[in-house]
Amino acid sequence: MSFDRRYRRGVAHEHGRLSATTDHHRRMLWIALGLNAGLLVVEVTAGFVFSSLALLADGVHQATDVVALGIALVASSLVPKPGSARHTYGLMRFEAIGAQVNALLLVAASVWVIAEAVSRLDDPDSVDGVGVLVVALVAFAVNGFSAMLLARGRSHDLNVRAAWLHLSTDAAGSLAAAVAGAAVVAFDARLADPIASLIIAVLVLVGAWQLLRDTTNVLLEGAPRGLDLDALEAALIEQPHVEAVHHLHVWELGSEVPALSVHVVLDGEPTLHDAQARGRTLKTMLATRFGIEHATVELECHDCETIGGSGHP
């Protein structure tokens, strides 16, 4: 089988696996999008009717949820597409770009909420506590359920993780808004509303920072988080007939899709056939021990001979 056919079969297998995974993610994203779009209308309307900044803050975050889910859906349709002559690895990086846009939206929403909450601390508005409590509990239930739908895919897909992060922090924010509503009902504590808004904003900023850190690492071709490069290099060197390793580079094509390139110096004077066999062994080790299936291993030695002097492996 020619290299070109083997390469295309490998790419097709990889994208087939991605497609099956993203089909499930896409269904969950559509359900979450429908629920959150409806909740957005309810929260924003209730925020104005009940004069609650906490509900409006949660509504603004809800709007970023809807945008985040939309971006995640677009990304989930692009990531599985096979490579082309122009984009040989496909569009896997789009998930990192989409997730980073989501993180920036979270930061912008948090800054607005913080500014508005601080302005209300000195003169808090009168709030309908019962209305805030009821709407916040409904929002908590919707966001919690939506987050549960996406929970399984968050460790494998940056965009699903971004959407899950939006929904999880919004669920926590809705719970804070519910507590504020209860405080208003029980103690007429009008300060509870802007304080709850500040808590929501801080929760969102923490999550946004983590997401920005991870997406930036992908876009800057940093090594995958949790991968020990020293252990990786040691694993290569300890393989039979490996004398030295240099020019080791590891990066991520997308979530859970690491790639590697390395120069490996072999000992002795192996034939070209032996060198190729050792290269395959190294790639198998990288795939099984470190989950790196996209590996380019450049083999070096003092005098690689061909079999029988024919010039063919």
C-alpha atoms as a PDB file:
ATOM      1  CA  MET A   1       0.000   0.000   0.000  1.00  0.00           C
ATOM      2  CA  SER A   2       1.418   3.394  -0.964  1.00  0.00           C
ATOM      3  CA  PHE A   3       2.284   6.009   1.655  1.00  0.00           C
ATOM      4  CA  ASP A   4      -0.372   8.349   0.224  1.00  0.00           C
ATOM      5  CA  ARG A   5      -3.119   5.724   0.612  1.00  0.00           C
ATOM      6  CA  ARG A   6      -1.970   4.825   4.129  1.00  0.00           C
ATOM      7  CA  TYR A   7      -1.873   8.513   5.068  1.00  0.00           C
ATOM      8  CA  ARG A   8      -5.373   9.133   3.736  1.00  0.00           C
ATOM      9  CA  ARG A   9      -6.689   6.038   5.525  1.00  0.00           C
ATOM     10  CA  GLY A  10      -5.144   7.223   8.780  1.00  0.00           C
ATOM     11  CA  VAL A  11      -6.594  10.701   8.382  1.00  0.00           C
ATOM     12  CA  ALA A  12      -9.999   9.250   7.482  1.00  0.00           C
ATOM     13  CA  HIS A  13      -9.925   7.037  10.593  1.00  0.00           C
ATOM     14  CA  GLU A  14      -8.993   9.978  12.815  1.00  0.00           C
ATOM     15  CA  HIS A  15     -11.713  12.207  11.400  1.00  0.00           C
ATOM     16  CA  GLY A  16     -14.236   9.356  11.546  1.00  0.00           C
ATOM     17  CA  ARG A  17     -13.543   9.032  15.269  1.00  0.00           C
ATOM     18  CA  LEU A  18     -13.858  12.782  15.726  1.00  0.00           C
ATOM     19  CA  SER A  19     -17.102  12.845  13.740  1.00  0.00           C
ATOM     20  CA  ALA A  20     -18.754  10.158  15.887  1.00  0.00           C
ATOM     21  CA  THR A  21     -17.751  11.989  19.060  1.00  0.00           C
ATOM     22  CA  THR A  22     -18.859  15.411  17.856  1.00  0.00           C
ATOM     23  CA  ASP A  23     -22.245  14.103  16.641  1.00  0.00           C
ATOM     24  CA  HIS A  24     -23.109  13.268  20.239  1.00  0.00           C
ATOM     25  CA  HIS A  25     -21.714  16.598  21.460  1.00  0.00           C
ATOM     26  CA  ARG A  26     -23.715  18.436  18.807  1.00  0.00           C
ATOM     27  CA  ARG A  27     -27.010  16.899  19.934  1.00  0.00           C
ATOM     28  CA  MET A  28     -26.320  17.887  23.529  1.00  0.00           C
ATOM     29  CA  LEU A  29     -25.344  21.402  22.448  1.00  0.00           C
ATOM     30  CA  TRP A  30     -28.594  21.856  20.499  1.00  0.00           C
ATOM     31  CA  ILE A  31     -30.671  20.833  23.525  1.00  0.00           C
ATOM     32  CA  ALA A  32     -28.709  23.183  25.794  1.00  0.00           C
ATOM     33  CA  LEU A  33     -29.016  26.024  23.266  1.00  0.00           C
ATOM     34  CA  GLY A  34     -32.810  25.716  23.092  1.00  0.00           C
ATOM     35  CA  LEU A  35     -33.176  25.682  26.884  1.00  0.00           C
ATOM     36  CA  ASN A  36     -30.846  28.618  27.431  1.00  0.00           C
ATOM     37  CA  ALA A  37     -32.304  30.789  24.678  1.00  0.00           C
ATOM     38  CA  GLY A  38     -35.704  30.509  26.372  1.00  0.00           C
ATOM     39  CA  LEU A  39     -34.195  31.183  29.786  1.00  0.00           C
ATOM     40  CA  LEU A  40     -32.399  34.284  28.463  1.00  0.00           C
ATOM     41  CA  VAL A  41     -35.713  35.922  27.562  1.00  0.00           C
ATOM     42  CA  VAL A  42     -37.186  35.060  30.967  1.00  0.00           C
ATOM     43  CA  GLU A  43     -34.212  36.332  32.997  1.00  0.00           C
ATOM     44  CA  VAL A  44     -33.747  39.625  31.186  1.00  0.00           C
ATOM     45  CA  THR A  45     -37.474  40.374  31.351  1.00  0.00           C
ATOM     46  CA  ALA A  46     -37.622  39.453  35.039  1.00  0.00           C
ATOM     47  CA  GLY A  47     -34.507  41.512  35.789  1.00  0.00           C
ATOM     48  CA  PHE A  48     -36.165  44.680  34.539  1.00  0.00           C
ATOM     49  CA  VAL A  49     -39.578  43.862  36.050  1.00  0.00           C
ATOM     50  CA  PHE A  50     -38.141  43.049  39.511  1.00  0.00           C
ATOM     51  CA  SER A  51     -35.312  45.672  39.371  1.00  0.00           C
ATOM     52  CA  SER A  52     -32.734  42.961  40.107  1.00  0.00           C
ATOM     53  CA  LEU A  53     -29.130  43.479  39.019  1.00  0.00           C
ATOM     54  CA  ALA A  54     -28.367  39.895  40.005  1.00  0.00           C
ATOM     55  CA  LEU A  55     -30.950  38.636  37.503  1.00  0.00           C
ATOM     56  CA  LEU A  56     -29.732  41.069  34.840  1.00  0.00           C
ATOM     57  CA  ALA A  57     -26.138  39.972  35.533  1.00  0.00           C
ATOM     58  CA  ASP A  58     -27.202  36.369  35.196  1.00  0.00           C
ATOM     59  CA  GLY A  59     -29.124  37.359  32.054  1.00  0.00           C
ATOM     60  CA  VAL A  60     -26.021  38.932  30.531  1.00  0.00           C
ATOM     61  CA  HIS A  61     -24.121  35.784  31.349  1.00  0.00           C
ATOM     62  CA  GLN A  62     -27.021  33.840  29.874  1.00  0.00           C
ATOM     63  CA  ALA A  63     -26.596  35.792  26.634  1.00  0.00           C
ATOM     64  CA  THR A  64     -22.924  34.766  26.530  1.00  0.00           C
ATOM     65  CA  ASP A  65     -24.103  31.188  27.162  1.00  0.00           C
ATOM     66  CA  VAL A  66     -26.274  31.324  24.044  1.00  0.00           C
ATOM     67  CA  VAL A  67     -23.414  32.800  21.996  1.00  0.00           C
ATOM     68  CA  ALA A  68     -20.995  30.226  23.484  1.00  0.00           C
ATOM     69  CA  LEU A  69     -23.284  27.343  22.564  1.00  0.00           C
ATOM     70  CA  GLY A  70     -23.677  28.755  19.045  1.00  0.00           C
ATOM     71  CA  ILE A  71     -19.908  29.027  18.614  1.00  0.00           C
ATOM     72  CA  ALA A  72     -19.458  25.512  19.992  1.00  0.00           C
ATOM     73  CA  LEU A  73     -21.997  24.188  17.476  1.00  0.00           C
ATOM     74  CA  VAL A  74     -20.190  25.866  14.576  1.00  0.00           C
ATOM     75  CA  ALA A  75     -16.862  24.525  15.823  1.00  0.00           C
ATOM     76  CA  SER A  76     -18.255  21.006  16.254  1.00  0.00           C
ATOM     77  CA  SER A  77     -19.322  20.998  12.602  1.00  0.00           C
ATOM     78  CA  LEU A  78     -15.919  22.226  11.363  1.00  0.00           C
ATOM     79  CA  VAL A  79     -13.485  20.221  13.522  1.00  0.00           C
ATOM     80  CA  PRO A  80     -14.323  16.758  12.055  1.00  0.00           C
ATOM     81  CA  LYS A  81     -13.878  17.909   8.440  1.00  0.00           C
ATOM     82  CA  PRO A  82     -11.016  16.035   6.739  1.00  0.00           C
ATOM     83  CA  GLY A  83      -7.827  17.749   5.702  1.00  0.00           C
ATOM     84  CA  SER A  84      -7.432  19.491   2.384  1.00  0.00           C
ATOM     85  CA  ALA A  85      -4.510  20.608   0.256  1.00  0.00           C
ATOM     86  CA  ARG A  86      -4.623  23.965   2.041  1.00  0.00           C
ATOM     87  CA  HIS A  87      -5.442  22.721   5.567  1.00  0.00           C
ATOM     88  CA  THR A  88      -3.730  19.339   5.743  1.00  0.00           C
ATOM     89  CA  TYR A  89      -4.703  18.730   9.381  1.00  0.00           C
ATOM     90  CA  GLY A  90      -8.256  19.887   8.797  1.00  0.00           C
ATOM     91  CA  LEU A  91      -9.815  22.591  10.984  1.00  0.00           C
ATOM     92  CA  MET A  92      -9.052  21.175  14.441  1.00  0.00           C
ATOM     93  CA  ARG A  93      -7.688  24.524  15.645  1.00  0.00           C
ATOM     94  CA  PHE A  94     -11.067  26.175  15.138  1.00  0.00           C
ATOM     95  CA  GLU A  95     -12.226  24.730  18.459  1.00  0.00           C
ATOM     96  CA  ALA A  96      -9.434  26.614  20.259  1.00  0.00           C
ATOM     97  CA  ILE A  97     -10.302  29.837  18.424  1.00  0.00           C
ATOM     98  CA  GLY A  98     -13.999  29.452  19.245  1.00  0.00           C
ATOM     99  CA  ALA A  99     -13.281  28.658  22.880  1.00  0.00           C
ATOM    100  CA  GLN A 100     -11.032  31.692  23.168  1.00  0.00           C
ATOM    101  CA  VAL A 101     -13.764  33.947  21.775  1.00  0.00           C
ATOM    102  CA  ASN A 102     -16.075  32.476  24.423  1.00  0.00           C
ATOM    103  CA  ALA A 103     -13.557  33.232  27.162  1.00  0.00           C
ATOM    104  CA  LEU A 104     -13.235  36.848  26.008  1.00  0.00           C
ATOM    105  CA  LEU A 105     -17.029  37.183  26.057  1.00  0.00           C
ATOM    106  CA  LEU A 106     -17.027  35.948  29.640  1.00  0.00           C
ATOM    107  CA  VAL A 107     -14.434  38.547  30.621  1.00  0.00           C
ATOM    108  CA  ALA A 108     -16.390  41.375  28.958  1.00  0.00           C
ATOM    109  CA  ALA A 109     -19.637  40.327  30.669  1.00  0.00           C
ATOM    110  CA  SER A 110     -17.896  40.124  34.048  1.00  0.00           C
ATOM    111  CA  VAL A 111     -16.388  43.603  33.740  1.00  0.00           C
ATOM    112  CA  TRP A 112     -19.833  45.086  32.980  1.00  0.00           C
ATOM    113  CA  VAL A 113     -21.429  43.299  35.944  1.00  0.00           C
ATOM    114  CA  ILE A 114     -18.667  44.391  38.346  1.00  0.00           C
ATOM    115  CA  ALA A 115     -18.943  48.043  37.269  1.00  0.00           C
ATOM    116  CA  GLU A 116     -22.726  48.026  37.661  1.00  0.00           C
ATOM    117  CA  ALA A 117     -22.627  46.205  41.019  1.00  0.00           C
ATOM    118  CA  VAL A 118     -20.069  48.594  42.509  1.00  0.00           C
ATOM    119  CA  SER A 119     -22.234  51.572  41.502  1.00  0.00           C
ATOM    120  CA  ARG A 120     -25.191  50.023  43.358  1.00  0.00           C
ATOM    121  CA  LEU A 121     -23.379  49.238  46.598  1.00  0.00           C
ATOM    122  CA  ASP A 122     -23.833  52.799  47.921  1.00  0.00           C
ATOM    123  CA  ASP A 123     -27.478  53.038  46.882  1.00  0.00           C
ATOM    124  CA  PRO A 124     -28.999  49.599  46.247  1.00  0.00           C
ATOM    125  CA  ASP A 125     -32.297  49.506  44.382  1.00  0.00           C
ATOM    126  CA  SER A 126     -35.478  48.110  45.818  1.00  0.00           C
ATOM    127  CA  VAL A 127     -35.831  44.513  44.626  1.00  0.00           C
ATOM    128  CA  ASP A 128     -38.811  42.155  44.375  1.00  0.00           C
ATOM    129  CA  GLY A 129     -37.287  39.321  46.391  1.00  0.00           C
ATOM    130  CA  VAL A 130     -39.984  36.732  45.691  1.00  0.00           C
ATOM    131  CA  GLY A 131     -39.788  37.237  41.920  1.00  0.00           C
ATOM    132  CA  VAL A 132     -35.995  37.095  41.969  1.00  0.00           C
ATOM    133  CA  LEU A 133     -36.025  33.911  44.054  1.00  0.00           C
ATOM    134  CA  VAL A 134     -38.476  32.072  41.777  1.00  0.00           C
ATOM    135  CA  VAL A 135     -36.774  33.047  38.508  1.00  0.00           C
ATOM    136  CA  ALA A 136     -33.297  32.328  39.907  1.00  0.00           C
ATOM    137  CA  LEU A 137     -34.326  28.833  41.004  1.00  0.00           C
ATOM    138  CA  VAL A 138     -35.750  28.118  37.545  1.00  0.00           C
ATOM    139  CA  ALA A 139     -32.502  29.395  35.987  1.00  0.00           C
ATOM    140  CA  PHE A 140     -30.461  27.223  38.356  1.00  0.00           C
ATOM    141  CA  ALA A 141     -32.417  24.141  37.312  1.00  0.00           C
ATOM    142  CA  VAL A 142     -32.071  24.881  33.575  1.00  0.00           C
ATOM    143  CA  ASN A 143     -28.361  25.718  33.739  1.00  0.00           C
ATOM    144  CA  GLY A 144     -27.595  22.765  35.989  1.00  0.00           C
ATOM    145  CA  PHE A 145     -29.366  20.355  33.645  1.00  0.00           C
ATOM    146  CA  SER A 146     -27.653  21.861  30.574  1.00  0.00           C
ATOM    147  CA  ALA A 147     -24.245  21.590  32.259  1.00  0.00           C
ATOM    148  CA  MET A 148     -24.918  17.933  33.053  1.00  0.00           C
ATOM    149  CA  LEU A 149     -25.661  17.281  29.369  1.00  0.00           C
ATOM    150  CA  LEU A 150     -22.207  18.561  28.398  1.00  0.00           C
ATOM    151  CA  ALA A 151     -20.262  17.243  31.398  1.00  0.00           C
ATOM    152  CA  ARG A 152     -18.996  14.063  29.699  1.00  0.00           C
ATOM    153  CA  GLY A 153     -17.483  15.881  26.719  1.00  0.00           C
ATOM    154  CA  ARG A 154     -15.738  18.692  28.569  1.00  0.00           C
ATOM    155  CA  SER A 155     -12.440  16.834  28.998  1.00  0.00           C
ATOM    156  CA  HIS A 156     -12.116  16.000  25.298  1.00  0.00           C
ATOM    157  CA  ASP A 157     -13.231  19.175  23.513  1.00  0.00           C
ATOM    158  CA  LEU A 158     -12.241  22.757  24.303  1.00  0.00           C
ATOM    159  CA  ASN A 159     -15.475  24.164  22.882  1.00  0.00           C
ATOM    160  CA  VAL A 160     -17.661  21.768  24.841  1.00  0.00           C
ATOM    161  CA  ARG A 161     -15.579  22.656  27.874  1.00  0.00           C
ATOM    162  CA  ALA A 162     -16.138  26.368  27.167  1.00  0.00           C
ATOM    163  CA  ALA A 163     -19.894  25.861  26.885  1.00  0.00           C
ATOM    164  CA  TRP A 164     -19.920  23.673  30.008  1.00  0.00           C
ATOM    165  CA  LEU A 165     -17.954  26.353  31.864  1.00  0.00           C
ATOM    166  CA  HIS A 166     -20.481  29.012  30.835  1.00  0.00           C
ATOM    167  CA  LEU A 167     -23.374  26.871  32.022  1.00  0.00           C
ATOM    168  CA  SER A 168     -21.736  25.743  35.268  1.00  0.00           C
ATOM    169  CA  THR A 169     -20.764  29.246  36.353  1.00  0.00           C
ATOM    170  CA  ASP A 170     -24.203  30.468  35.341  1.00  0.00           C
ATOM    171  CA  ALA A 171     -25.778  27.759  37.506  1.00  0.00           C
ATOM    172  CA  ALA A 172     -23.625  28.963  40.413  1.00  0.00           C
ATOM    173  CA  GLY A 173     -24.614  32.539  39.589  1.00  0.00           C
ATOM    174  CA  SER A 174     -28.292  31.614  39.532  1.00  0.00           C
ATOM    175  CA  LEU A 175     -27.890  30.021  42.943  1.00  0.00           C
ATOM    176  CA  ALA A 176     -26.263  33.235  44.212  1.00  0.00           C
ATOM    177  CA  ALA A 177     -29.167  35.243  42.783  1.00  0.00           C
ATOM    178  CA  ALA A 178     -31.625  32.910  44.530  1.00  0.00           C
ATOM    179  CA  VAL A 179     -29.826  33.451  47.846  1.00  0.00           C
ATOM    180  CA  ALA A 180     -29.993  37.208  47.264  1.00  0.00           C
ATOM    181  CA  GLY A 181     -33.726  36.975  46.577  1.00  0.00           C
ATOM    182  CA  ALA A 182     -34.248  34.960  49.750  1.00  0.00           C
ATOM    183  CA  ALA A 183     -32.237  37.526  51.756  1.00  0.00           C
ATOM    184  CA  VAL A 184     -34.424  40.325  50.412  1.00  0.00           C
ATOM    185  CA  VAL A 185     -37.592  38.420  51.316  1.00  0.00           C
ATOM    186  CA  ALA A 186     -36.422  37.435  54.792  1.00  0.00           C
ATOM    187  CA  PHE A 187     -34.398  40.468  55.897  1.00  0.00           C
ATOM    188  CA  ASP A 188     -35.078  43.213  53.317  1.00  0.00           C
ATOM    189  CA  ALA A 189     -31.316  43.050  52.619  1.00  0.00           C
ATOM    190  CA  ARG A 190     -31.127  45.122  49.440  1.00  0.00           C
ATOM    191  CA  LEU A 191     -27.321  44.940  49.442  1.00  0.00           C
ATOM    192  CA  ALA A 192     -27.605  41.203  48.839  1.00  0.00           C
ATOM    193  CA  ASP A 193     -28.431  41.791  45.171  1.00  0.00           C
ATOM    194  CA  PRO A 194     -25.263  43.724  44.133  1.00  0.00           C
ATOM    195  CA  ILE A 195     -23.131  41.497  46.383  1.00  0.00           C
ATOM    196  CA  ALA A 196     -24.515  38.394  44.656  1.00  0.00           C
ATOM    197  CA  SER A 197     -23.725  40.069  41.320  1.00  0.00           C
ATOM    198  CA  LEU A 198     -20.085  40.545  42.354  1.00  0.00           C
ATOM    199  CA  ILE A 199     -19.853  36.888  43.392  1.00  0.00           C
ATOM    200  CA  ILE A 200     -21.225  35.847  39.984  1.00  0.00           C
ATOM    201  CA  ALA A 201     -18.700  38.053  38.189  1.00  0.00           C
ATOM    202  CA  VAL A 202     -15.751  36.645  40.160  1.00  0.00           C
ATOM    203  CA  LEU A 203     -16.841  33.068  39.428  1.00  0.00           C
ATOM    204  CA  VAL A 204     -17.058  33.879  35.728  1.00  0.00           C
ATOM    205  CA  LEU A 205     -13.643  35.587  35.657  1.00  0.00           C
ATOM    206  CA  VAL A 206     -11.908  32.612  37.288  1.00  0.00           C
ATOM    207  CA  GLY A 207     -13.365  30.217  34.733  1.00  0.00           C
ATOM    208  CA  ALA A 208     -12.596  32.584  31.849  1.00  0.00           C
ATOM    209  CA  TRP A 209      -8.960  32.871  32.932  1.00  0.00           C
ATOM    210  CA  GLN A 210      -8.528  29.092  32.975  1.00  0.00           C
ATOM    211  CA  LEU A 211     -10.095  28.795  29.534  1.00  0.00           C
ATOM    212  CA  LEU A 212      -7.957  31.612  28.100  1.00  0.00           C
ATOM    213  CA  ARG A 213      -4.847  29.943  29.498  1.00  0.00           C
ATOM    214  CA  ASP A 214      -5.630  26.580  27.886  1.00  0.00           C
ATOM    215  CA  THR A 215      -6.737  27.945  24.502  1.00  0.00           C
ATOM    216  CA  THR A 216      -3.727  30.242  24.282  1.00  0.00           C
ATOM    217  CA  ASN A 217      -1.483  27.269  25.002  1.00  0.00           C
ATOM    218  CA  VAL A 218      -3.004  25.425  22.020  1.00  0.00           C
ATOM    219  CA  LEU A 219      -2.743  28.415  19.674  1.00  0.00           C
ATOM    220  CA  LEU A 220       0.870  29.071  20.712  1.00  0.00           C
ATOM    221  CA  GLU A 221       1.654  25.376  20.121  1.00  0.00           C
ATOM    222  CA  GLY A 222       2.622  24.799  23.735  1.00  0.00           C
ATOM    223  CA  ALA A 223       3.109  21.297  25.079  1.00  0.00           C
ATOM    224  CA  PRO A 224      -0.141  19.633  26.236  1.00  0.00           C
ATOM    225  CA  ARG A 225      -0.954  20.206  29.894  1.00  0.00           C
ATOM    226  CA  GLY A 226      -0.080  17.204  32.009  1.00  0.00           C
ATOM    227  CA  LEU A 227       2.542  15.883  29.609  1.00  0.00           C
ATOM    228  CA  ASP A 228       5.990  15.477  31.199  1.00  0.00           C
ATOM    229  CA  LEU A 229       8.541  16.229  28.478  1.00  0.00           C
ATOM    230  CA  ASP A 230      11.417  14.878  30.584  1.00  0.00           C
ATOM    231  CA  ALA A 231       9.559  11.570  30.996  1.00  0.00           C
ATOM    232  CA  LEU A 232       8.796  11.530  27.274  1.00  0.00           C
ATOM    233  CA  GLU A 233      12.447  12.076  26.340  1.00  0.00           C
ATOM    234  CA  ALA A 234      13.567   9.437  28.846  1.00  0.00           C
ATOM    235  CA  ALA A 235      11.069   6.948  27.393  1.00  0.00           C
ATOM    236  CA  LEU A 236      12.526   7.496  23.925  1.00  0.00           C
ATOM    237  CA  ILE A 237      16.131   7.159  25.065  1.00  0.00           C
ATOM    238  CA  GLU A 238      15.478   3.957  26.995  1.00  0.00           C
ATOM    239  CA  GLN A 239      14.220   2.191  23.869  1.00  0.00           C
ATOM    240  CA  PRO A 240      16.582  -0.422  22.360  1.00  0.00           C
ATOM    241  CA  HIS A 241      19.220   0.885  19.914  1.00  0.00           C
ATOM    242  CA  VAL A 242      18.461   4.589  20.684  1.00  0.00           C
ATOM    243  CA  GLU A 243      21.646   6.511  21.343  1.00  0.00           C
ATOM    244  CA  ALA A 244      20.365  10.090  21.665  1.00  0.00           C
ATOM    245  CA  VAL A 245      17.323  12.319  21.155  1.00  0.00           C
ATOM    246  CA  HIS A 246      17.250  15.951  20.068  1.00  0.00           C
ATOM    247  CA  HIS A 247      14.940  18.537  18.474  1.00  0.00           C
ATOM    248  CA  LEU A 248      11.994  17.204  20.490  1.00  0.00           C
ATOM    249  CA  HIS A 249       8.818  19.242  19.925  1.00  0.00           C
ATOM    250  CA  VAL A 250       5.314  18.462  21.193  1.00  0.00           C
ATOM    251  CA  TRP A 251       2.199  20.544  20.589  1.00  0.00           C
ATOM    252  CA  GLU A 252      -1.577  20.175  20.217  1.00  0.00           C
ATOM    253  CA  LEU A 253      -3.484  20.189  16.946  1.00  0.00           C
ATOM    254  CA  GLY A 254      -6.684  20.429  19.003  1.00  0.00           C
ATOM    255  CA  SER A 255      -8.148  19.081  22.236  1.00  0.00           C
ATOM    256  CA  GLU A 256      -6.742  15.646  23.029  1.00  0.00           C
ATOM    257  CA  VAL A 257      -4.882  15.555  19.674  1.00  0.00           C
ATOM    258  CA  PRO A 258      -1.169  15.933  20.497  1.00  0.00           C
ATOM    259  CA  ALA A 259       1.494  15.935  17.801  1.00  0.00           C
ATOM    260  CA  LEU A 260       5.233  15.354  18.009  1.00  0.00           C
ATOM    261  CA  SER A 261       8.387  15.684  15.966  1.00  0.00           C
ATOM    262  CA  VAL A 262      11.780  14.418  17.097  1.00  0.00           C
ATOM    263  CA  HIS A 263      15.219  13.454  15.812  1.00  0.00           C
ATOM    264  CA  VAL A 264      16.411  10.083  17.113  1.00  0.00           C
ATOM    265  CA  VAL A 265      20.028   8.919  16.780  1.00  0.00           C
ATOM    266  CA  LEU A 266      20.322   5.122  16.442  1.00  0.00           C
ATOM    267  CA  ASP A 267      23.386   3.219  17.551  1.00  0.00           C
ATOM    268  CA  GLY A 268      25.463   0.919  15.350  1.00  0.00           C
ATOM    269  CA  GLU A 269      25.065   0.759  11.586  1.00  0.00           C
ATOM    270  CA  PRO A 270      21.519  -0.506  10.958  1.00  0.00           C
ATOM    271  CA  THR A 271      20.183  -1.274   7.519  1.00  0.00           C
ATOM    272  CA  LEU A 272      17.434   0.939   6.196  1.00  0.00           C
ATOM    273  CA  HIS A 273      14.961  -1.881   6.855  1.00  0.00           C
ATOM    274  CA  ASP A 274      16.098  -2.135  10.500  1.00  0.00           C
ATOM    275  CA  ALA A 275      15.898   1.635  10.927  1.00  0.00           C
ATOM    276  CA  GLN A 276      12.337   1.687   9.626  1.00  0.00           C
ATOM    277  CA  ALA A 277      11.357  -1.137  11.989  1.00  0.00           C
ATOM    278  CA  ARG A 278      12.836   0.754  14.935  1.00  0.00           C
ATOM    279  CA  GLY A 279      10.986   3.890  13.864  1.00  0.00           C
ATOM    280  CA  ARG A 280       7.681   1.987  13.873  1.00  0.00           C
ATOM    281  CA  THR A 281       8.479   0.646  17.348  1.00  0.00           C
ATOM    282  CA  LEU A 282       9.094   4.180  18.623  1.00  0.00           C
ATOM    283  CA  LYS A 283       5.813   5.432  17.147  1.00  0.00           C
ATOM    284  CA  THR A 284       3.896   2.548  18.709  1.00  0.00           C
ATOM    285  CA  MET A 285       5.413   3.374  22.101  1.00  0.00           C
ATOM    286  CA  LEU A 286       4.475   7.055  21.730  1.00  0.00           C
ATOM    287  CA  ALA A 287       0.886   6.137  20.870  1.00  0.00           C
ATOM    288  CA  THR A 288       0.372   3.570  23.627  1.00  0.00           C
ATOM    289  CA  ARG A 289       2.202   5.304  26.499  1.00  0.00           C
ATOM    290  CA  PHE A 290       1.579   8.968  25.738  1.00  0.00           C
ATOM    291  CA  GLY A 291      -1.431   8.996  23.399  1.00  0.00           C
ATOM    292  CA  ILE A 292       0.575  10.661  20.616  1.00  0.00           C
ATOM    293  CA  GLU A 293      -0.596   9.261  17.287  1.00  0.00           C
ATOM    294  CA  HIS A 294       0.612  12.158  15.104  1.00  0.00           C
ATOM    295  CA  ALA A 295       4.371  11.582  15.400  1.00  0.00           C
ATOM    296  CA  THR A 296       7.159  12.446  12.970  1.00  0.00           C
ATOM    297  CA  VAL A 297      10.338  10.586  13.914  1.00  0.00           C
ATOM    298  CA  GLU A 298      13.497  11.568  12.023  1.00  0.00           C
ATOM    299  CA  LEU A 299      16.013   8.716  12.309  1.00  0.00           C
ATOM    300  CA  GLU A 300      19.744   9.426  12.240  1.00  0.00           C
ATOM    301  CA  CYS A 301      22.832   7.197  12.278  1.00  0.00           C
ATOM    302  CA  HIS A 302      26.379   7.250  11.029  1.00  0.00           C
ATOM    303  CA  ASP A 303      25.878   4.936   8.082  1.00  0.00           C
ATOM    304  CA  CYS A 304      22.410   3.609   7.251  1.00  0.00           C
ATOM    305  CA  GLU A 305      22.875   0.865   4.668  1.00  0.00           C
ATOM    306  CA  THR A 306      20.326  -0.368   2.162  1.00  0.00           C
ATOM    307  CA  ILE A 307      19.462  -4.055   1.916  1.00  0.00           C
ATOM    308  CA  GLY A 308      21.648  -5.832  -0.629  1.00  0.00           C
ATOM    309  CA  GLY A 309      22.866  -2.498  -1.974  1.00  0.00           C
ATOM    310  CA  SER A 310      19.783  -2.203  -4.184  1.00  0.00           C
ATOM    311  CA  GLY A 311      18.772   1.167  -2.824  1.00  0.00           C
ATOM    312  CA  HIS A 312      15.302  -0.135  -1.826  1.00  0.00           C
ATOM    313  CA  PRO A 313      14.088  -0.993   1.697  1.00  0.00           C
END
